C-alpha atoms as a PDB file:
ATOM      1  CA  UNK A   1      81.590  37.676 101.258  1.00  0.00           C
ATOM      2  CA  UNK A   2      80.945  38.508  97.601  1.00  0.00           C
ATOM      3  CA  UNK A   3      84.432  39.673  96.694  1.00  0.00           C
ATOM      4  CA  UNK A   4      87.620  37.895  97.770  1.00  0.00           C
ATOM      5  CA  UNK A   5      89.954  40.514  99.213  1.00  0.00           C
ATOM      6  CA  UNK A   6      93.584  39.941 100.073  1.00  0.00           C
ATOM      7  CA  UNK A   7      93.869  40.672 103.789  1.00  0.00           C
ATOM      8  CA  UNK A   8      97.144  41.342 105.611  1.00  0.00           C
ATOM      9  CA  UNK A   9      96.817  40.092 109.198  1.00  0.00           C
ATOM     10  CA  UNK A  10      99.387  41.464 111.650  1.00  0.00           C
ATOM     11  CA  UNK A  11      99.834  39.273 114.708  1.00  0.00           C
ATOM     12  CA  UNK A  12      98.053  36.479 112.885  1.00  0.00           C
ATOM     13  CA  UNK A  13      99.866  33.714 114.786  1.00  0.00           C
ATOM     14  CA  UNK A  14      98.396  34.893 118.086  1.00  0.00           C
ATOM     15  CA  UNK A  15      95.263  33.705 119.857  1.00  0.00           C
ATOM     16  CA  UNK A  16      92.701  36.082 118.331  1.00  0.00           C
ATOM     17  CA  UNK A  17      94.611  36.377 115.074  1.00  0.00           C
ATOM     18  CA  UNK A  18      94.779  32.650 114.318  1.00  0.00           C
ATOM     19  CA  UNK A  19      91.066  32.091 115.009  1.00  0.00           C
ATOM     20  CA  UNK A  20      90.230  35.052 112.784  1.00  0.00           C
ATOM     21  CA  UNK A  21      92.421  33.662 109.996  1.00  0.00           C
ATOM     22  CA  UNK A  22      90.232  30.518 110.088  1.00  0.00           C
ATOM     23  CA  UNK A  23      87.106  32.636 109.547  1.00  0.00           C
ATOM     24  CA  UNK A  24      88.755  34.689 106.787  1.00  0.00           C
ATOM     25  CA  UNK A  25      89.753  31.542 104.906  1.00  0.00           C
ATOM     26  CA  UNK A  26      86.239  30.122 105.326  1.00  0.00           C
ATOM     27  CA  UNK A  27      84.989  33.328 103.670  1.00  0.00           C
ATOM     28  CA  UNK A  28      87.321  32.929 100.651  1.00  0.00           C
ATOM     29  CA  UNK A  29      89.773  35.687 101.588  1.00  0.00           C
ATOM     30  CA  UNK A  30      93.414  35.431 100.583  1.00  0.00           C
ATOM     31  CA  UNK A  31      95.307  35.752 103.858  1.00  0.00           C
ATOM     32  CA  UNK A  32      98.850  37.060 104.348  1.00  0.00           C
ATOM     33  CA  UNK A  33     100.053  36.803 107.962  1.00  0.00           C
ATOM     34  CA  UNK A  34     102.944  38.625 109.570  1.00  0.00           C
ATOM     35  CA  UNK A  35     104.026  37.921 113.146  1.00  0.00           C
ATOM     36  CA  UNK A  36     107.276  38.268 115.099  1.00  0.00           C
ATOM     37  CA  UNK A  37     106.388  35.077 117.049  1.00  0.00           C
ATOM     38  CA  UNK A  38     107.139  36.709 120.408  1.00  0.00           C
ATOM     39  CA  UNK A  39     104.085  34.966 121.854  1.00  0.00           C
ATOM     40  CA  UNK A  40     103.732  32.001 119.491  1.00  0.00           C
ATOM     41  CA  UNK A  41     105.207  28.528 119.094  1.00  0.00           C
ATOM     42  CA  UNK A  42     107.511  28.499 116.060  1.00  0.00           C
ATOM     43  CA  UNK A  43     107.438  24.765 115.347  1.00  0.00           C
ATOM     44  CA  UNK A  44     109.871  22.982 113.050  1.00  0.00           C
ATOM     45  CA  UNK A  45     108.332  23.807 109.667  1.00  0.00           C
ATOM     46  CA  UNK A  46     107.970  26.965 107.612  1.00  0.00           C
ATOM     47  CA  UNK A  47     104.758  27.914 109.449  1.00  0.00           C
ATOM     48  CA  UNK A  48     104.200  28.469 113.173  1.00  0.00           C
ATOM     49  CA  UNK A  49     102.394  25.454 114.663  1.00  0.00           C
ATOM     50  CA  UNK A  50      99.088  27.284 115.079  1.00  0.00           C
ATOM     51  CA  UNK A  51      99.018  28.384 111.429  1.00  0.00           C
ATOM     52  CA  UNK A  52      99.884  24.878 110.254  1.00  0.00           C
ATOM     53  CA  UNK A  53      96.852  23.718 112.218  1.00  0.00           C
ATOM     54  CA  UNK A  54      94.759  26.525 110.689  1.00  0.00           C
ATOM     55  CA  UNK A  55      95.656  25.105 107.275  1.00  0.00           C
ATOM     56  CA  UNK A  56      94.677  21.626 108.494  1.00  0.00           C
ATOM     57  CA  UNK A  57      91.307  22.920 109.755  1.00  0.00           C
ATOM     58  CA  UNK A  58      90.435  24.900 106.630  1.00  0.00           C
ATOM     59  CA  UNK A  59      92.244  22.975 103.900  1.00  0.00           C
ATOM     60  CA  UNK A  60      93.434  26.329 102.564  1.00  0.00           C
ATOM     61  CA  UNK A  61      96.903  27.879 102.418  1.00  0.00           C
ATOM     62  CA  UNK A  62      98.216  30.611 104.710  1.00  0.00           C
ATOM     63  CA  UNK A  63     101.008  32.885 103.503  1.00  0.00           C
ATOM     64  CA  UNK A  64     103.309  33.722 106.425  1.00  0.00           C
ATOM     65  CA  UNK A  65     106.233  36.087 107.060  1.00  0.00           C
ATOM     66  CA  UNK A  66     108.232  36.339 110.270  1.00  0.00           C
ATOM     67  CA  UNK A  67     108.254  40.144 110.435  1.00  0.00           C
ATOM     68  CA  UNK A  68     108.282  42.646 113.281  1.00  0.00           C
ATOM     69  CA  UNK A  69     106.212  45.792 112.694  1.00  0.00           C
ATOM     70  CA  UNK A  70     109.107  47.908 113.927  1.00  0.00           C
ATOM     71  CA  UNK A  71     111.162  46.680 110.940  1.00  0.00           C
ATOM     72  CA  UNK A  72     109.776  49.003 108.260  1.00  0.00           C
ATOM     73  CA  UNK A  73     112.011  47.573 105.512  1.00  0.00           C
ATOM     74  CA  UNK A  74     110.841  43.984 106.087  1.00  0.00           C
ATOM     75  CA  UNK A  75     107.240  45.158 106.369  1.00  0.00           C
ATOM     76  CA  UNK A  76     107.516  47.072 103.101  1.00  0.00           C
ATOM     77  CA  UNK A  77     108.812  43.967 101.329  1.00  0.00           C
ATOM     78  CA  UNK A  78     105.558  42.144 102.204  1.00  0.00           C
ATOM     79  CA  UNK A  79     103.511  44.951 100.629  1.00  0.00           C
ATOM     80  CA  UNK A  80     105.807  44.765  97.586  1.00  0.00           C
ATOM     81  CA  UNK A  81     105.055  41.062  97.107  1.00  0.00           C
ATOM     82  CA  UNK A  82     101.271  41.175  97.581  1.00  0.00           C
ATOM     83  CA  UNK A  83      98.444  43.434  96.423  1.00  0.00           C
ATOM     84  CA  UNK A  84      96.885  44.065  99.821  1.00  0.00           C
ATOM     85  CA  UNK A  85      93.266  45.281  99.905  1.00  0.00           C
ATOM     86  CA  UNK A  86      92.835  45.652 103.640  1.00  0.00           C
ATOM     87  CA  UNK A  87      94.820  45.295 106.876  1.00  0.00           C
ATOM     88  CA  UNK A  88      93.608  43.570 110.013  1.00  0.00           C
ATOM     89  CA  UNK A  89      95.871  44.799 112.825  1.00  0.00           C
ATOM     90  CA  UNK A  90      96.216  42.492 115.857  1.00  0.00           C
ATOM     91  CA  UNK A  91      99.939  42.714 116.596  1.00  0.00           C
ATOM     92  CA  UNK A  92     100.431  43.989 120.151  1.00  0.00           C
ATOM     93  CA  UNK A  93     101.672  43.090 123.587  1.00  0.00           C
ATOM     94  CA  UNK A  94      98.504  42.523 125.579  1.00  0.00           C
ATOM     95  CA  UNK A  95      98.940  41.770 129.311  1.00  0.00           C
ATOM     96  CA  UNK A  96      97.450  44.398 131.639  1.00  0.00           C
ATOM     97  CA  UNK A  97      99.612  43.498 134.632  1.00  0.00           C
ATOM     98  CA  UNK A  98     102.815  43.248 132.607  1.00  0.00           C
ATOM     99  CA  UNK A  99     102.138  46.622 130.980  1.00  0.00           C
ATOM    100  CA  UNK A 100     102.289  48.240 134.440  1.00  0.00           C
ATOM    101  CA  UNK A 101     105.756  46.714 134.954  1.00  0.00           C
ATOM    102  CA  UNK A 102     107.336  47.405 131.533  1.00  0.00           C
ATOM    103  CA  UNK A 103     105.375  50.341 130.063  1.00  0.00           C
ATOM    104  CA  UNK A 104     108.092  51.458 127.634  1.00  0.00           C
ATOM    105  CA  UNK A 105     108.029  48.071 125.881  1.00  0.00           C
ATOM    106  CA  UNK A 106     104.258  48.406 125.482  1.00  0.00           C
ATOM    107  CA  UNK A 107     104.406  51.942 124.102  1.00  0.00           C
ATOM    108  CA  UNK A 108     107.208  51.071 121.681  1.00  0.00           C
ATOM    109  CA  UNK A 109     105.668  47.846 120.430  1.00  0.00           C
ATOM    110  CA  UNK A 110     101.991  48.830 120.346  1.00  0.00           C
ATOM    111  CA  UNK A 111     102.110  52.539 119.465  1.00  0.00           C
ATOM    112  CA  UNK A 112     105.313  52.929 117.437  1.00  0.00           C
ATOM    113  CA  UNK A 113     104.657  49.607 115.676  1.00  0.00           C
ATOM    114  CA  UNK A 114     101.200  50.832 114.662  1.00  0.00           C
ATOM    115  CA  UNK A 115     102.630  54.089 113.292  1.00  0.00           C
ATOM    116  CA  UNK A 116     105.152  52.156 111.181  1.00  0.00           C
ATOM    117  CA  UNK A 117     102.296  50.009 109.854  1.00  0.00           C
ATOM    118  CA  UNK A 118     100.139  53.027 108.960  1.00  0.00           C
ATOM    119  CA  UNK A 119     103.072  54.759 107.237  1.00  0.00           C
ATOM    120  CA  UNK A 120     103.756  51.608 105.211  1.00  0.00           C
ATOM    121  CA  UNK A 121     100.083  51.227 104.286  1.00  0.00           C
ATOM    122  CA  UNK A 122     100.049  54.822 103.018  1.00  0.00           C
ATOM    123  CA  UNK A 123     103.232  54.245 101.043  1.00  0.00           C
ATOM    124  CA  UNK A 124     101.599  51.308  99.221  1.00  0.00           C
ATOM    125  CA  UNK A 125      98.155  52.914  98.820  1.00  0.00           C
ATOM    126  CA  UNK A 126      96.324  50.625 101.238  1.00  0.00           C
ATOM    127  CA  UNK A 127      93.728  52.695 103.094  1.00  0.00           C
ATOM    128  CA  UNK A 128      91.338  50.230 104.750  1.00  0.00           C
ATOM    129  CA  UNK A 129      92.029  49.057 108.301  1.00  0.00           C
ATOM    130  CA  UNK A 130      90.333  46.966 110.976  1.00  0.00           C
ATOM    131  CA  UNK A 131      92.019  47.684 114.298  1.00  0.00           C
ATOM    132  CA  UNK A 132      92.039  45.225 117.182  1.00  0.00           C
ATOM    133  CA  UNK A 133      91.175  47.513 120.086  1.00  0.00           C
ATOM    134  CA  UNK A 134      89.993  46.782 123.609  1.00  0.00           C
ATOM    135  CA  UNK A 135      87.345  47.636 126.171  1.00  0.00           C
ATOM    136  CA  UNK A 136      90.226  48.866 128.329  1.00  0.00           C
ATOM    137  CA  UNK A 137      90.073  52.153 126.369  1.00  0.00           C
ATOM    138  CA  UNK A 138      86.998  53.012 128.456  1.00  0.00           C
ATOM    139  CA  UNK A 139      88.941  52.891 131.725  1.00  0.00           C
ATOM    140  CA  UNK A 140      86.951  53.173 134.945  1.00  0.00           C
ATOM    141  CA  UNK A 141      83.252  52.977 134.023  1.00  0.00           C
ATOM    142  CA  UNK A 142      81.220  56.178 134.199  1.00  0.00           C
ATOM    143  CA  UNK A 143      78.239  53.935 133.433  1.00  0.00           C
ATOM    144  CA  UNK A 144      77.525  50.311 132.508  1.00  0.00           C
ATOM    145  CA  UNK A 145      77.042  48.701 130.133  1.00  0.00           C
ATOM    146  CA  UNK A 146      79.691  50.475 128.066  1.00  0.00           C
ATOM    147  CA  UNK A 147      78.419  52.003 124.836  1.00  0.00           C
ATOM    148  CA  UNK A 148      80.727  53.247 122.099  1.00  0.00           C
ATOM    149  CA  UNK A 149      79.838  56.802 123.206  1.00  0.00           C
ATOM    150  CA  UNK A 150      81.424  56.251 126.628  1.00  0.00           C
ATOM    151  CA  UNK A 151      84.457  58.556 127.071  1.00  0.00           C
ATOM    152  CA  UNK A 152      87.758  56.901 126.263  1.00  0.00           C
ATOM    153  CA  UNK A 153      91.260  57.531 127.508  1.00  0.00           C
ATOM    154  CA  UNK A 154      90.491  59.648 130.566  1.00  0.00           C
ATOM    155  CA  UNK A 155      90.166  56.779 133.017  1.00  0.00           C
ATOM    156  CA  UNK A 156      92.525  54.224 131.424  1.00  0.00           C
ATOM    157  CA  UNK A 157      93.946  52.358 134.399  1.00  0.00           C
ATOM    158  CA  UNK A 158      96.997  50.724 132.774  1.00  0.00           C
ATOM    159  CA  UNK A 159      99.565  51.298 129.997  1.00  0.00           C
ATOM    160  CA  UNK A 160      98.097  48.501 127.841  1.00  0.00           C
ATOM    161  CA  UNK A 161      94.726  50.270 127.722  1.00  0.00           C
ATOM    162  CA  UNK A 162      96.449  53.581 127.027  1.00  0.00           C
ATOM    163  CA  UNK A 163      98.298  52.125 124.031  1.00  0.00           C
ATOM    164  CA  UNK A 164      95.001  50.950 122.552  1.00  0.00           C
ATOM    165  CA  UNK A 165      93.472  54.379 123.196  1.00  0.00           C
ATOM    166  CA  UNK A 166      96.446  56.254 121.687  1.00  0.00           C
ATOM    167  CA  UNK A 167      96.380  54.132 118.515  1.00  0.00           C
ATOM    168  CA  UNK A 168      92.625  54.675 118.146  1.00  0.00           C
ATOM    169  CA  UNK A 169      93.260  58.432 118.356  1.00  0.00           C
ATOM    170  CA  UNK A 170      96.071  58.232 115.793  1.00  0.00           C
ATOM    171  CA  UNK A 171      93.827  56.332 113.367  1.00  0.00           C
ATOM    172  CA  UNK A 172      90.975  58.826 113.847  1.00  0.00           C
ATOM    173  CA  UNK A 173      93.318  61.749 113.141  1.00  0.00           C
ATOM    174  CA  UNK A 174      94.595  59.979 110.025  1.00  0.00           C
ATOM    175  CA  UNK A 175      91.065  59.294 108.746  1.00  0.00           C
ATOM    176  CA  UNK A 176      90.095  62.937 109.377  1.00  0.00           C
ATOM    177  CA  UNK A 177      93.154  64.168 107.485  1.00  0.00           C
ATOM    178  CA  UNK A 178      92.664  62.164 104.292  1.00  0.00           C
ATOM    179  CA  UNK A 179      89.393  60.959 102.736  1.00  0.00           C
ATOM    180  CA  UNK A 180      91.086  57.910 101.241  1.00  0.00           C
ATOM    181  CA  UNK A 181      91.228  56.265 104.673  1.00  0.00           C
ATOM    182  CA  UNK A 182      88.479  54.253 106.344  1.00  0.00           C
ATOM    183  CA  UNK A 183      88.854  52.281 109.548  1.00  0.00           C
ATOM    184  CA  UNK A 184      86.926  50.237 112.070  1.00  0.00           C
ATOM    185  CA  UNK A 185      88.081  49.722 115.664  1.00  0.00           C
ATOM    186  CA  UNK A 186      86.741  46.594 117.337  1.00  0.00           C
ATOM    187  CA  UNK A 187      86.702  46.986 121.112  1.00  0.00           C
ATOM    188  CA  UNK A 188      86.969  43.482 122.533  1.00  0.00           C
ATOM    189  CA  UNK A 189      85.755  42.557 125.939  1.00  0.00           C
ATOM    190  CA  UNK A 190      87.241  39.237 127.211  1.00  0.00           C
ATOM    191  CA  UNK A 191      87.949  36.650 124.477  1.00  0.00           C
ATOM    192  CA  UNK A 192      87.924  33.058 125.771  1.00  0.00           C
ATOM    193  CA  UNK A 193      87.410  29.507 124.534  1.00  0.00           C
ATOM    194  CA  UNK A 194      88.936  27.779 121.533  1.00  0.00           C
ATOM    195  CA  UNK A 195      88.084  26.486 118.070  1.00  0.00           C
ATOM    196  CA  UNK A 196      85.563  23.649 118.297  1.00  0.00           C
ATOM    197  CA  UNK A 197      88.048  21.261 116.670  1.00  0.00           C
ATOM    198  CA  UNK A 198      90.332  21.494 119.700  1.00  0.00           C
ATOM    199  CA  UNK A 199      93.251  22.082 117.316  1.00  0.00           C
ATOM    200  CA  UNK A 200      93.907  25.742 118.100  1.00  0.00           C
ATOM    201  CA  UNK A 201      93.344  27.729 121.273  1.00  0.00           C
ATOM    202  CA  UNK A 202      94.961  30.082 123.757  1.00  0.00           C
ATOM    203  CA  UNK A 203      98.505  29.011 124.648  1.00  0.00           C
ATOM    204  CA  UNK A 204     100.105  31.768 126.742  1.00  0.00           C
ATOM    205  CA  UNK A 205     103.854  31.726 127.304  1.00  0.00           C
ATOM    206  CA  UNK A 206     104.630  31.260 131.006  1.00  0.00           C
ATOM    207  CA  UNK A 207     102.065  32.040 133.691  1.00  0.00           C
ATOM    208  CA  UNK A 208      98.734  32.997 132.095  1.00  0.00           C
ATOM    209  CA  UNK A 209      97.663  36.607 132.570  1.00  0.00           C
ATOM    210  CA  UNK A 210      94.008  35.868 131.800  1.00  0.00           C
ATOM    211  CA  UNK A 211      91.469  33.920 133.824  1.00  0.00           C
ATOM    212  CA  UNK A 212      90.224  31.163 131.521  1.00  0.00           C
ATOM    213  CA  UNK A 213      93.609  29.713 130.431  1.00  0.00           C
ATOM    214  CA  UNK A 214      94.722  29.790 134.084  1.00  0.00           C
ATOM    215  CA  UNK A 215      91.612  27.823 135.137  1.00  0.00           C
ATOM    216  CA  UNK A 216      92.181  25.353 132.288  1.00  0.00           C
ATOM    217  CA  UNK A 217      95.820  24.781 133.262  1.00  0.00           C
ATOM    218  CA  UNK A 218      94.771  24.095 136.863  1.00  0.00           C
ATOM    219  CA  UNK A 219      92.056  21.706 135.643  1.00  0.00           C
ATOM    220  CA  UNK A 220      94.515  19.742 133.502  1.00  0.00           C
ATOM    221  CA  UNK A 221      97.063  19.547 136.345  1.00  0.00           C
ATOM    222  CA  UNK A 222      99.640  21.956 134.919  1.00  0.00           C
ATOM    223  CA  UNK A 223      99.210  24.333 137.866  1.00  0.00           C
ATOM    224  CA  UNK A 224      98.366  23.684 141.506  1.00  0.00           C
ATOM    225  CA  UNK A 225      95.713  26.317 142.080  1.00  0.00           C
ATOM    226  CA  UNK A 226      94.164  29.493 140.731  1.00  0.00           C
ATOM    227  CA  UNK A 227      94.893  32.959 142.092  1.00  0.00           C
ATOM    228  CA  UNK A 228      91.717  35.026 142.414  1.00  0.00           C
ATOM    229  CA  UNK A 229      92.751  38.673 142.576  1.00  0.00           C
ATOM    230  CA  UNK A 230      90.333  40.544 144.806  1.00  0.00           C
ATOM    231  CA  UNK A 231      87.211  39.403 146.649  1.00  0.00           C
ATOM    232  CA  UNK A 232      86.078  42.803 147.951  1.00  0.00           C
ATOM    233  CA  UNK A 233      84.857  44.461 144.764  1.00  0.00           C
ATOM    234  CA  UNK A 234      81.372  45.974 144.644  1.00  0.00           C
ATOM    235  CA  UNK A 235      79.975  42.969 142.749  1.00  0.00           C
ATOM    236  CA  UNK A 236      77.454  40.220 143.671  1.00  0.00           C
ATOM    237  CA  UNK A 237      80.127  37.861 145.060  1.00  0.00           C
ATOM    238  CA  UNK A 238      83.013  40.319 145.535  1.00  0.00           C
ATOM    239  CA  UNK A 239      85.073  39.045 142.586  1.00  0.00           C
ATOM    240  CA  UNK A 240      85.614  40.933 139.347  1.00  0.00           C
ATOM    241  CA  UNK A 241      82.875  40.827 136.710  1.00  0.00           C
ATOM    242  CA  UNK A 242      83.749  40.679 133.008  1.00  0.00           C
ATOM    243  CA  UNK A 243      81.995  40.210 129.681  1.00  0.00           C
ATOM    244  CA  UNK A 244      83.433  36.979 128.274  1.00  0.00           C
ATOM    245  CA  UNK A 245      83.049  36.337 124.548  1.00  0.00           C
ATOM    246  CA  UNK A 246      83.749  33.131 122.644  1.00  0.00           C
ATOM    247  CA  UNK A 247      86.794  33.478 120.396  1.00  0.00           C
ATOM    248  CA  UNK A 248      84.872  32.196 117.350  1.00  0.00           C
ATOM    249  CA  UNK A 249      82.117  34.786 117.839  1.00  0.00           C
ATOM    250  CA  UNK A 250      84.834  37.436 118.099  1.00  0.00           C
ATOM    251  CA  UNK A 251      86.564  36.195 114.945  1.00  0.00           C
ATOM    252  CA  UNK A 252      83.296  36.353 113.004  1.00  0.00           C
ATOM    253  CA  UNK A 253      82.970  40.007 114.040  1.00  0.00           C
ATOM    254  CA  UNK A 254      86.144  40.768 112.080  1.00  0.00           C
ATOM    255  CA  UNK A 255      84.729  39.234 108.917  1.00  0.00           C
ATOM    256  CA  UNK A 256      81.632  41.426 109.316  1.00  0.00           C
ATOM    257  CA  UNK A 257      83.821  44.504 109.805  1.00  0.00           C
ATOM    258  CA  UNK A 258      85.822  43.697 106.672  1.00  0.00           C
ATOM    259  CA  UNK A 259      82.611  43.279 104.678  1.00  0.00           C
ATOM    260  CA  UNK A 260      81.453  46.717 105.860  1.00  0.00           C
ATOM    261  CA  UNK A 261      84.737  48.369 104.896  1.00  0.00           C
ATOM    262  CA  UNK A 262      84.849  46.685 101.476  1.00  0.00           C
ATOM    263  CA  UNK A 263      81.224  47.497 100.645  1.00  0.00           C
ATOM    264  CA  UNK A 264      80.665  50.906 102.194  1.00  0.00           C
ATOM    265  CA  UNK A 265      82.664  54.078 102.438  1.00  0.00           C
ATOM    266  CA  UNK A 266      80.683  55.681 105.276  1.00  0.00           C
ATOM    267  CA  UNK A 267      81.284  56.120 108.096  1.00  0.00           C
ATOM    268  CA  UNK A 268      85.001  56.397 107.476  1.00  0.00           C
ATOM    269  CA  UNK A 269      85.684  55.770 111.177  1.00  0.00           C
ATOM    270  CA  UNK A 270      83.602  53.727 113.603  1.00  0.00           C
ATOM    271  CA  UNK A 271      84.271  51.795 116.799  1.00  0.00           C
ATOM    272  CA  UNK A 272      82.210  48.749 117.764  1.00  0.00           C
ATOM    273  CA  UNK A 273      81.955  46.807 121.004  1.00  0.00           C
ATOM    274  CA  UNK A 274      82.359  43.054 120.589  1.00  0.00           C
ATOM    275  CA  UNK A 275      80.907  41.408 123.681  1.00  0.00           C
ATOM    276  CA  UNK A 276      77.872  39.451 124.823  1.00  0.00           C
ATOM    277  CA  UNK A 277      76.373  42.235 126.924  1.00  0.00           C
ATOM    278  CA  UNK A 278      76.396  40.003 129.995  1.00  0.00           C
ATOM    279  CA  UNK A 279      78.905  40.014 132.841  1.00  0.00           C
ATOM    280  CA  UNK A 280      80.138  36.955 134.767  1.00  0.00           C
ATOM    281  CA  UNK A 281      82.171  37.005 137.976  1.00  0.00           C
ATOM    282  CA  UNK A 282      85.424  35.102 138.465  1.00  0.00           C
ATOM    283  CA  UNK A 283      83.680  32.621 140.766  1.00  0.00           C
ATOM    284  CA  UNK A 284      80.872  32.095 138.226  1.00  0.00           C
ATOM    285  CA  UNK A 285      83.444  31.217 135.569  1.00  0.00           C
ATOM    286  CA  UNK A 286      85.239  28.829 137.929  1.00  0.00           C
ATOM    287  CA  UNK A 287      82.000  27.001 138.736  1.00  0.00           C
ATOM    288  CA  UNK A 288      80.952  26.868 135.057  1.00  0.00           C
ATOM    289  CA  UNK A 289      84.321  25.341 134.171  1.00  0.00           C
ATOM    290  CA  UNK A 290      84.023  22.800 136.994  1.00  0.00           C
ATOM    291  CA  UNK A 291      80.694  21.644 135.568  1.00  0.00           C
ATOM    292  CA  UNK A 292      82.191  21.118 132.114  1.00  0.00           C
ATOM    293  CA  UNK A 293      85.418  19.359 133.139  1.00  0.00           C
ATOM    294  CA  UNK A 294      83.986  17.425 136.106  1.00  0.00           C
ATOM    295  CA  UNK A 295      86.820  18.490 138.398  1.00  0.00           C
ATOM    296  CA  UNK A 296      87.183  20.881 141.323  1.00  0.00           C
ATOM    297  CA  UNK A 297      89.267  23.993 140.630  1.00  0.00           C
ATOM    298  CA  UNK A 298      91.200  24.879 143.804  1.00  0.00           C
ATOM    299  CA  UNK A 299      91.693  28.633 144.188  1.00  0.00           C
ATOM    300  CA  UNK A 300      93.314  31.116 146.544  1.00  0.00           C
ATOM    301  CA  UNK A 301      92.012  34.624 147.211  1.00  0.00           C
ATOM    302  CA  UNK A 302      94.794  37.202 146.691  1.00  0.00           C
ATOM    303  CA  UNK A 303      94.958  41.024 146.850  1.00  0.00           C
ATOM    304  CA  UNK A 304      93.660  43.034 143.905  1.00  0.00           C
ATOM    305  CA  UNK A 305      95.982  43.561 140.942  1.00  0.00           C
ATOM    306  CA  UNK A 306      96.980  47.092 139.935  1.00  0.00           C
ATOM    307  CA  UNK A 307      94.968  48.349 136.964  1.00  0.00           C
ATOM    308  CA  UNK A 308      91.944  46.090 137.460  1.00  0.00           C
ATOM    309  CA  UNK A 309      88.387  47.443 137.754  1.00  0.00           C
ATOM    310  CA  UNK A 310      85.364  45.871 139.460  1.00  0.00           C
ATOM    311  CA  UNK A 311      83.048  45.358 136.476  1.00  0.00           C
ATOM    312  CA  UNK A 312      83.149  45.660 132.709  1.00  0.00           C
ATOM    313  CA  UNK A 313      80.500  44.579 130.216  1.00  0.00           C
ATOM    314  CA  UNK A 314      79.345  45.740 126.805  1.00  0.00           C
ATOM    315  CA  UNK A 315      76.339  47.159 125.101  1.00  0.00           C
ATOM    316  CA  UNK A 316      76.898  45.374 121.758  1.00  0.00           C
ATOM    317  CA  UNK A 317      73.758  46.709 120.047  1.00  0.00           C
ATOM    318  CA  UNK A 318      75.611  48.952 117.565  1.00  0.00           C
ATOM    319  CA  UNK A 319      77.522  45.972 116.136  1.00  0.00           C
ATOM    320  CA  UNK A 320      74.235  44.113 115.750  1.00  0.00           C
ATOM    321  CA  UNK A 321      72.627  47.071 113.986  1.00  0.00           C
ATOM    322  CA  UNK A 322      75.471  48.101 111.668  1.00  0.00           C
ATOM    323  CA  UNK A 323      77.567  44.934 111.246  1.00  0.00           C
ATOM    324  CA  UNK A 324      74.742  42.396 111.520  1.00  0.00           C
ATOM    325  CA  UNK A 325      76.819  40.661 114.192  1.00  0.00           C
ATOM    326  CA  UNK A 326      76.011  39.301 117.617  1.00  0.00           C
ATOM    327  CA  UNK A 327      77.600  36.793 119.967  1.00  0.00           C
ATOM    328  CA  UNK A 328      75.873  33.406 119.920  1.00  0.00           C
ATOM    329  CA  UNK A 329      77.825  31.156 122.277  1.00  0.00           C
ATOM    330  CA  UNK A 330      77.167  30.771 126.024  1.00  0.00           C
ATOM    331  CA  UNK A 331      79.571  30.647 128.971  1.00  0.00           C
ATOM    332  CA  UNK A 332      79.146  26.853 128.979  1.00  0.00           C
ATOM    333  CA  UNK A 333      80.140  26.745 125.298  1.00  0.00           C
ATOM    334  CA  UNK A 334      83.227  28.826 126.089  1.00  0.00           C
ATOM    335  CA  UNK A 335      84.256  26.535 128.942  1.00  0.00           C
ATOM    336  CA  UNK A 336      83.537  23.352 126.978  1.00  0.00           C
ATOM    337  CA  UNK A 337      85.633  24.406 123.969  1.00  0.00           C
ATOM    338  CA  UNK A 338      88.433  25.677 126.210  1.00  0.00           C
ATOM    339  CA  UNK A 339      88.478  22.375 128.105  1.00  0.00           C
ATOM    340  CA  UNK A 340      88.569  20.365 124.852  1.00  0.00           C
ATOM    341  CA  UNK A 341      91.568  22.397 123.667  1.00  0.00           C
ATOM    342  CA  UNK A 342      93.422  22.236 126.990  1.00  0.00           C
ATOM    343  CA  UNK A 343      92.794  18.536 127.636  1.00  0.00           C
ATOM    344  CA  UNK A 344      93.942  17.614 124.110  1.00  0.00           C
ATOM    345  CA  UNK A 345      96.914  20.024 124.289  1.00  0.00           C
ATOM    346  CA  UNK A 346      97.963  20.134 127.961  1.00  0.00           C
ATOM    347  CA  UNK A 347     101.195  21.963 127.100  1.00  0.00           C
ATOM    348  CA  UNK A 348      99.688  24.172 124.399  1.00  0.00           C
ATOM    349  CA  UNK A 349     101.561  23.841 121.131  1.00  0.00           C
ATOM    350  CA  UNK A 350     104.801  22.766 122.828  1.00  0.00           C
ATOM    351  CA  UNK A 351     104.662  19.070 121.825  1.00  0.00           C
ATOM    352  CA  UNK A 352     105.333  20.060 118.219  1.00  0.00           C
ATOM    353  CA  UNK A 353     108.126  22.457 119.105  1.00  0.00           C
ATOM    354  CA  UNK A 354     111.060  20.167 118.250  1.00  0.00           C
END
């Protein structure tokens, strides 16, 4: 990156956020992180454990504030202290199943929190935004692979996906209303894996909601067996098919999006799929992980979960064309890096939580 922007990263102590902070620091950005630590290990120092490890990996400092987006006064104080060039917005509750149980919490945190952020950005004349969106905005597929032109919102099957869709719509309306604004929405498919160092990775609080960390916890002996939700989908082996993308590939996509926003003013709004373009079933992922860790993963077939769809995978060609980005790492790479992280940190970041 030619210039060295100061980037505010909301939710930067989370799984995707922390890996992206590594890539930002590698590309000479100044990084200011805010996070309310609702899904992160606080640690005993001034930084959350994961961000301390990010500093160890990169040898560069991370500026951190324990701030909730819903606290507009505290958020404003961060903008007062730093000349922010661009915001990378990750902060959100993110579990599909949980969102069906506590939808109001998801709408308040994800939608209202985003509005407070956008209002604060406007107040401090910061008009460039990269939004962490999701393939869930597409809902039930009208066709596969998903392209960015696929309708969004109409078939969203869960409140989490709806919050991502609503915030995309809010950002588009804002961009249309004022030419100062420009924004990119990155629609993730299924981020998995960990940093190759094994120092940072996915460390969900409680029972994992996503497949790969659940498999890893079973492999390391933290959990007895894996629950496979649904074996009667219209897929090759009956289990759900998803487009899994290595977390480092995903993080690099954010750097490319920032470069585009800093260098170019058009288009002022664009969404991009970040995925590999290839789907893998739950059973395929289990068997790939078994090969890497050398252990059997016991699993139990359970009924489908509400809000899940049979298959979801990306057409990532627009990101390749316009961002010069494409995923490089294989399913084996994803499993290998996830296993390194989990085997070195069987309890996530908890050992350092004194």
